[in-house]
Amino acid sequence: MVVIKDYRRVIGPRMRGRFGFSQADRLHLRSYADALAVNPHAGIYQQRRRKGGSITVREKFYWPANPRTDTQQAWRAVFTAGVVAYHALSADDKKYWKKKGAKYHMTGYNKFLSEWLHSH
């Protein structure tokens, strides 16, 4: 982890996410060292809160683990079915879920999916 002291000179005042990351990196055709050779500012930028304010840090690229277990695949299927079900709702039904979600400071979409996942 590298703490960026003067981040305005690097990319921008509110940078977050991946920078210097191309299609080749997504396909694992290039290493982090190769990405740095092309772009010295490549990495994952985060804003972190500290007592004295927030700091900007840069981390190396990483690829999150995706175990693809049977349980995980089953829940992905349930989630996908919920998304499809929500998009199949009529406009009146979506208004109902929007109103119901507002009571919980949620969007109608999030409230629908929350209840869908709890029911399955």
N, C-alpha and C. Protein backbone atom coordinates (compact mmCIF):
# COMPACT_ATOMS: atom_id res chain seq x y z
N MET A 1 0.84 -1.17 0.00
CA MET A 1 0.00 0.00 0.00
C MET A 1 0.89 1.23 0.00
N VAL A 2 0.62 2.14 -0.88
CA VAL A 2 1.35 3.38 -0.98
C VAL A 2 0.41 4.52 -0.63
N VAL A 3 0.78 5.37 0.33
CA VAL A 3 -0.03 6.54 0.66
C VAL A 3 0.35 7.65 -0.29
N ILE A 4 -0.64 8.22 -0.96
CA ILE A 4 -0.42 9.29 -1.93
C ILE A 4 -0.59 10.62 -1.20
N LYS A 5 0.49 11.39 -1.12
CA LYS A 5 0.44 12.66 -0.39
C LYS A 5 -0.13 13.77 -1.26
N ASP A 6 0.35 13.90 -2.49
CA ASP A 6 -0.13 14.97 -3.37
C ASP A 6 -0.86 14.33 -4.55
N TYR A 7 -2.10 13.91 -4.31
CA TYR A 7 -2.83 13.18 -5.32
C TYR A 7 -3.32 14.04 -6.47
N ARG A 8 -3.35 15.37 -6.31
CA ARG A 8 -3.81 16.23 -7.40
C ARG A 8 -2.89 16.13 -8.61
N ARG A 9 -1.60 15.90 -8.37
CA ARG A 9 -0.66 15.81 -9.47
C ARG A 9 -0.72 14.44 -10.15
N VAL A 10 -1.28 13.44 -9.49
CA VAL A 10 -1.30 12.09 -10.05
C VAL A 10 -2.42 11.97 -11.06
N ILE A 11 -3.68 12.02 -10.61
CA ILE A 11 -4.81 11.84 -11.53
C ILE A 11 -5.90 12.86 -11.28
N GLY A 12 -6.39 12.93 -10.06
CA GLY A 12 -7.48 13.86 -9.76
C GLY A 12 -7.76 13.88 -8.27
N PRO A 13 -8.56 14.84 -7.82
CA PRO A 13 -8.78 14.99 -6.38
C PRO A 13 -9.63 13.89 -5.75
N ARG A 14 -10.48 13.23 -6.47
CA ARG A 14 -11.36 12.22 -5.89
C ARG A 14 -11.24 10.88 -6.62
N MET A 15 -10.04 10.45 -6.82
CA MET A 15 -9.85 9.21 -7.57
C MET A 15 -10.16 8.00 -6.70
N ARG A 16 -10.85 7.05 -7.30
CA ARG A 16 -11.16 5.78 -6.66
C ARG A 16 -11.30 4.76 -7.77
N GLY A 17 -10.94 3.54 -7.49
CA GLY A 17 -11.10 2.48 -8.47
C GLY A 17 -9.79 2.15 -9.15
N ARG A 18 -9.92 1.46 -10.28
CA ARG A 18 -8.73 0.99 -11.00
C ARG A 18 -8.29 2.00 -12.04
N PHE A 19 -7.02 2.29 -12.05
CA PHE A 19 -6.43 3.16 -13.06
C PHE A 19 -5.27 2.44 -13.71
N GLY A 20 -5.10 2.63 -15.00
CA GLY A 20 -4.01 1.99 -15.72
C GLY A 20 -4.29 0.52 -15.96
N PHE A 21 -5.56 0.16 -16.00
CA PHE A 21 -5.97 -1.23 -16.11
C PHE A 21 -6.66 -1.40 -17.46
N SER A 22 -6.13 -2.29 -18.30
CA SER A 22 -6.67 -2.43 -19.65
C SER A 22 -7.30 -3.80 -19.86
N GLN A 23 -7.79 -4.02 -21.06
CA GLN A 23 -8.38 -5.31 -21.42
C GLN A 23 -7.36 -6.44 -21.26
N ALA A 24 -6.11 -6.16 -21.58
CA ALA A 24 -5.06 -7.17 -21.42
C ALA A 24 -4.93 -7.61 -19.96
N ASP A 25 -5.10 -6.66 -19.03
CA ASP A 25 -5.02 -6.99 -17.62
C ASP A 25 -6.22 -7.83 -17.19
N ARG A 26 -7.40 -7.50 -17.72
CA ARG A 26 -8.59 -8.26 -17.37
C ARG A 26 -8.49 -9.71 -17.84
N LEU A 27 -7.79 -9.92 -18.92
CA LEU A 27 -7.63 -11.26 -19.46
C LEU A 27 -6.39 -11.96 -18.90
N HIS A 28 -5.74 -11.33 -17.93
CA HIS A 28 -4.53 -11.87 -17.27
C HIS A 28 -3.40 -12.10 -18.29
N LEU A 29 -3.29 -11.22 -19.27
CA LEU A 29 -2.23 -11.34 -20.27
C LEU A 29 -1.02 -10.47 -19.90
N ARG A 30 -1.17 -9.66 -18.86
CA ARG A 30 -0.11 -8.74 -18.49
C ARG A 30 0.01 -8.72 -16.98
N SER A 31 1.23 -8.64 -16.47
CA SER A 31 1.45 -8.61 -15.02
C SER A 31 1.33 -7.19 -14.49
N TYR A 32 1.29 -7.06 -13.17
CA TYR A 32 1.23 -5.74 -12.55
C TYR A 32 2.49 -4.94 -12.88
N ALA A 33 3.63 -5.60 -12.91
CA ALA A 33 4.89 -4.92 -13.24
C ALA A 33 4.83 -4.36 -14.67
N ASP A 34 4.24 -5.11 -15.59
CA ASP A 34 4.10 -4.63 -16.97
C ASP A 34 3.16 -3.43 -17.03
N ALA A 35 2.08 -3.46 -16.25
CA ALA A 35 1.14 -2.33 -16.22
C ALA A 35 1.83 -1.08 -15.68
N LEU A 36 2.68 -1.24 -14.65
CA LEU A 36 3.41 -0.11 -14.11
C LEU A 36 4.43 0.45 -15.10
N ALA A 37 5.00 -0.43 -15.93
CA ALA A 37 5.96 0.03 -16.93
C ALA A 37 5.27 0.95 -17.94
N VAL A 38 4.03 0.66 -18.27
CA VAL A 38 3.28 1.47 -19.23
C VAL A 38 2.73 2.73 -18.55
N ASN A 39 2.23 2.57 -17.31
CA ASN A 39 1.63 3.69 -16.60
C ASN A 39 2.11 3.65 -15.15
N PRO A 40 2.97 4.57 -14.73
CA PRO A 40 3.51 4.53 -13.37
C PRO A 40 2.47 4.79 -12.29
N HIS A 41 1.29 5.26 -12.68
CA HIS A 41 0.23 5.52 -11.71
C HIS A 41 -0.79 4.39 -11.65
N ALA A 42 -0.51 3.26 -12.31
CA ALA A 42 -1.45 2.15 -12.34
C ALA A 42 -1.64 1.57 -10.94
N GLY A 43 -2.86 1.19 -10.63
CA GLY A 43 -3.17 0.57 -9.34
C GLY A 43 -4.62 0.77 -8.99
N ILE A 44 -4.98 0.35 -7.80
CA ILE A 44 -6.33 0.54 -7.28
C ILE A 44 -6.25 1.63 -6.23
N TYR A 45 -6.98 2.72 -6.45
CA TYR A 45 -6.95 3.87 -5.56
C TYR A 45 -8.16 3.84 -4.63
N GLN A 46 -7.92 4.18 -3.37
CA GLN A 46 -8.99 4.22 -2.38
C GLN A 46 -8.85 5.46 -1.52
N GLN A 47 -9.99 5.99 -1.09
CA GLN A 47 -10.01 7.05 -0.09
C GLN A 47 -10.29 6.36 1.25
N ARG A 48 -9.43 6.54 2.23
CA ARG A 48 -9.62 5.94 3.54
C ARG A 48 -9.71 7.03 4.60
N ARG A 49 -10.64 6.87 5.51
CA ARG A 49 -10.82 7.85 6.58
C ARG A 49 -9.86 7.56 7.73
N ARG A 50 -9.28 8.62 8.24
CA ARG A 50 -8.41 8.54 9.40
C ARG A 50 -8.82 9.64 10.38
N LYS A 51 -8.25 9.63 11.57
CA LYS A 51 -8.60 10.65 12.56
C LYS A 51 -8.37 12.05 12.05
N GLY A 52 -7.26 12.28 11.38
CA GLY A 52 -6.93 13.61 10.90
C GLY A 52 -7.57 13.97 9.57
N GLY A 53 -8.43 13.15 9.04
CA GLY A 53 -9.05 13.38 7.74
C GLY A 53 -8.94 12.12 6.89
N SER A 54 -9.04 12.28 5.60
CA SER A 54 -8.94 11.10 4.75
C SER A 54 -7.60 11.09 4.01
N ILE A 55 -7.17 9.89 3.67
CA ILE A 55 -5.95 9.74 2.90
C ILE A 55 -6.27 8.96 1.63
N THR A 56 -5.46 9.13 0.63
CA THR A 56 -5.60 8.38 -0.61
C THR A 56 -4.47 7.36 -0.65
N VAL A 57 -4.83 6.11 -0.93
CA VAL A 57 -3.83 5.06 -1.00
C VAL A 57 -3.93 4.36 -2.35
N ARG A 58 -2.80 3.81 -2.80
CA ARG A 58 -2.77 3.03 -4.03
C ARG A 58 -2.32 1.62 -3.68
N GLU A 59 -3.08 0.63 -4.14
CA GLU A 59 -2.73 -0.76 -3.93
C GLU A 59 -2.45 -1.41 -5.27
N LYS A 60 -1.80 -2.57 -5.20
CA LYS A 60 -1.55 -3.34 -6.41
C LYS A 60 -2.87 -3.90 -6.93
N PHE A 61 -2.90 -4.18 -8.23
CA PHE A 61 -4.06 -4.86 -8.79
C PHE A 61 -4.18 -6.23 -8.17
N TYR A 62 -5.38 -6.70 -8.02
CA TYR A 62 -5.59 -8.08 -7.59
C TYR A 62 -6.88 -8.59 -8.22
N TRP A 63 -6.96 -9.87 -8.35
CA TRP A 63 -8.14 -10.51 -8.90
C TRP A 63 -8.82 -11.24 -7.77
N PRO A 64 -10.05 -10.85 -7.39
CA PRO A 64 -10.72 -11.51 -6.27
C PRO A 64 -10.97 -12.98 -6.57
N ALA A 65 -10.97 -13.77 -5.52
CA ALA A 65 -11.23 -15.21 -5.67
C ALA A 65 -12.69 -15.43 -6.07
N ASN A 66 -12.92 -16.39 -6.92
CA ASN A 66 -14.27 -16.75 -7.35
C ASN A 66 -14.35 -18.27 -7.30
N PRO A 67 -14.70 -18.83 -6.14
CA PRO A 67 -14.62 -20.28 -5.98
C PRO A 67 -15.62 -21.07 -6.82
N ARG A 68 -16.71 -20.46 -7.25
CA ARG A 68 -17.73 -21.13 -8.07
C ARG A 68 -18.23 -22.43 -7.43
N THR A 69 -18.55 -22.36 -6.16
CA THR A 69 -19.09 -23.54 -5.48
C THR A 69 -20.55 -23.74 -5.89
N ASP A 70 -21.08 -24.91 -5.60
CA ASP A 70 -22.49 -25.20 -5.93
C ASP A 70 -23.43 -24.25 -5.20
N THR A 71 -23.14 -23.95 -3.95
CA THR A 71 -23.98 -23.04 -3.17
C THR A 71 -23.96 -21.64 -3.76
N GLN A 72 -22.77 -21.18 -4.12
CA GLN A 72 -22.64 -19.85 -4.72
C GLN A 72 -23.40 -19.78 -6.05
N GLN A 73 -23.27 -20.79 -6.86
CA GLN A 73 -23.97 -20.81 -8.16
C GLN A 73 -25.48 -20.85 -7.95
N ALA A 74 -25.94 -21.56 -6.93
CA ALA A 74 -27.38 -21.62 -6.64
C ALA A 74 -27.90 -20.24 -6.25
N TRP A 75 -27.15 -19.52 -5.40
CA TRP A 75 -27.59 -18.18 -5.00
C TRP A 75 -27.52 -17.20 -6.16
N ARG A 76 -26.55 -17.36 -7.03
CA ARG A 76 -26.50 -16.49 -8.22
C ARG A 76 -27.71 -16.72 -9.10
N ALA A 77 -28.16 -17.98 -9.19
CA ALA A 77 -29.35 -18.29 -9.98
C ALA A 77 -30.59 -17.67 -9.36
N VAL A 78 -30.70 -17.72 -8.01
CA VAL A 78 -31.83 -17.11 -7.32
C VAL A 78 -31.81 -15.60 -7.53
N PHE A 79 -30.64 -14.99 -7.42
CA PHE A 79 -30.51 -13.54 -7.61
C PHE A 79 -30.90 -13.16 -9.04
N THR A 80 -30.42 -13.92 -10.01
CA THR A 80 -30.76 -13.66 -11.42
C THR A 80 -32.26 -13.76 -11.64
N ALA A 81 -32.88 -14.78 -11.05
CA ALA A 81 -34.33 -14.94 -11.19
C ALA A 81 -35.06 -13.74 -10.58
N GLY A 82 -34.55 -13.21 -9.47
CA GLY A 82 -35.15 -12.02 -8.85
C GLY A 82 -35.05 -10.80 -9.73
N VAL A 83 -33.91 -10.61 -10.36
CA VAL A 83 -33.72 -9.47 -11.27
C VAL A 83 -34.67 -9.59 -12.45
N VAL A 84 -34.78 -10.78 -13.02
CA VAL A 84 -35.69 -11.00 -14.15
C VAL A 84 -37.12 -10.75 -13.72
N ALA A 85 -37.48 -11.22 -12.51
CA ALA A 85 -38.85 -11.03 -12.01
C ALA A 85 -39.16 -9.55 -11.81
N TYR A 86 -38.20 -8.78 -11.28
CA TYR A 86 -38.43 -7.35 -11.08
C TYR A 86 -38.64 -6.64 -12.41
N HIS A 87 -37.82 -6.96 -13.39
CA HIS A 87 -37.95 -6.29 -14.70
C HIS A 87 -39.22 -6.70 -15.42
N ALA A 88 -39.83 -7.81 -15.02
CA ALA A 88 -41.09 -8.24 -15.64
C ALA A 88 -42.31 -7.58 -14.98
N LEU A 89 -42.11 -6.86 -13.87
CA LEU A 89 -43.22 -6.22 -13.17
C LEU A 89 -43.81 -5.09 -14.01
N SER A 90 -45.09 -4.82 -13.77
CA SER A 90 -45.75 -3.69 -14.44
C SER A 90 -45.31 -2.39 -13.77
N ALA A 91 -45.62 -1.29 -14.40
CA ALA A 91 -45.26 0.02 -13.85
C ALA A 91 -45.93 0.25 -12.50
N ASP A 92 -47.19 -0.20 -12.35
CA ASP A 92 -47.89 -0.03 -11.07
C ASP A 92 -47.21 -0.84 -9.96
N ASP A 93 -46.79 -2.07 -10.29
CA ASP A 93 -46.10 -2.90 -9.30
C ASP A 93 -44.78 -2.26 -8.90
N LYS A 94 -44.07 -1.68 -9.86
CA LYS A 94 -42.80 -1.03 -9.54
C LYS A 94 -43.03 0.20 -8.64
N LYS A 95 -44.14 0.92 -8.86
CA LYS A 95 -44.47 2.05 -7.99
C LYS A 95 -44.75 1.57 -6.58
N TYR A 96 -45.44 0.43 -6.45
CA TYR A 96 -45.71 -0.16 -5.14
C TYR A 96 -44.40 -0.47 -4.42
N TRP A 97 -43.46 -1.09 -5.12
CA TRP A 97 -42.19 -1.45 -4.49
C TRP A 97 -41.36 -0.20 -4.18
N LYS A 98 -41.49 0.82 -5.02
CA LYS A 98 -40.77 2.06 -4.75
C LYS A 98 -41.28 2.70 -3.46
N LYS A 99 -42.61 2.69 -3.30
CA LYS A 99 -43.22 3.26 -2.09
C LYS A 99 -42.85 2.42 -0.86
N LYS A 100 -42.87 1.11 -1.01
CA LYS A 100 -42.53 0.22 0.10
C LYS A 100 -41.06 0.38 0.48
N GLY A 101 -40.19 0.52 -0.51
CA GLY A 101 -38.77 0.69 -0.25
C GLY A 101 -38.44 2.01 0.41
N ALA A 102 -39.21 3.06 0.11
CA ALA A 102 -38.95 4.38 0.69
C ALA A 102 -39.08 4.36 2.21
N LYS A 103 -39.94 3.49 2.74
CA LYS A 103 -40.10 3.39 4.19
C LYS A 103 -38.82 2.91 4.86
N TYR A 104 -37.99 2.19 4.11
CA TYR A 104 -36.75 1.62 4.65
C TYR A 104 -35.51 2.33 4.09
N HIS A 105 -35.70 3.47 3.47
CA HIS A 105 -34.62 4.22 2.83
C HIS A 105 -33.92 3.36 1.78
N MET A 106 -34.70 2.65 1.00
CA MET A 106 -34.18 1.78 -0.06
C MET A 106 -34.93 2.13 -1.35
N THR A 107 -34.32 1.75 -2.46
CA THR A 107 -35.05 1.87 -3.73
C THR A 107 -36.04 0.72 -3.82
N GLY A 108 -37.01 0.85 -4.69
CA GLY A 108 -37.97 -0.23 -4.89
C GLY A 108 -37.29 -1.50 -5.37
N TYR A 109 -36.31 -1.33 -6.23
CA TYR A 109 -35.55 -2.46 -6.77
C TYR A 109 -34.84 -3.22 -5.65
N ASN A 110 -34.16 -2.47 -4.77
CA ASN A 110 -33.44 -3.11 -3.67
C ASN A 110 -34.39 -3.79 -2.69
N LYS A 111 -35.53 -3.16 -2.40
CA LYS A 111 -36.49 -3.76 -1.47
C LYS A 111 -37.07 -5.03 -2.06
N PHE A 112 -37.40 -4.99 -3.35
CA PHE A 112 -37.93 -6.19 -4.02
C PHE A 112 -36.92 -7.33 -3.95
N LEU A 113 -35.67 -7.04 -4.31
CA LEU A 113 -34.65 -8.09 -4.29
C LEU A 113 -34.38 -8.58 -2.87
N SER A 114 -34.42 -7.69 -1.89
CA SER A 114 -34.22 -8.09 -0.52
C SER A 114 -35.28 -9.11 -0.10
N GLU A 115 -36.53 -8.79 -0.37
CA GLU A 115 -37.60 -9.71 -0.01
C GLU A 115 -37.55 -10.98 -0.85
N TRP A 116 -37.16 -10.86 -2.12
CA TRP A 116 -37.04 -12.04 -2.99
C TRP A 116 -35.99 -13.01 -2.42
N LEU A 117 -34.85 -12.47 -2.05
CA LEU A 117 -33.78 -13.32 -1.53
C LEU A 117 -34.13 -13.92 -0.17
N HIS A 118 -34.84 -13.16 0.67
CA HIS A 118 -35.24 -13.71 1.97
C HIS A 118 -36.29 -14.81 1.83
N SER A 119 -37.07 -14.74 0.78
CA SER A 119 -38.13 -15.74 0.60
C SER A 119 -37.61 -17.02 -0.05
N HIS A 120 -36.41 -16.99 -0.56
CA HIS A 120 -35.87 -18.20 -1.24
C HIS A 120 -34.77 -18.82 -0.45
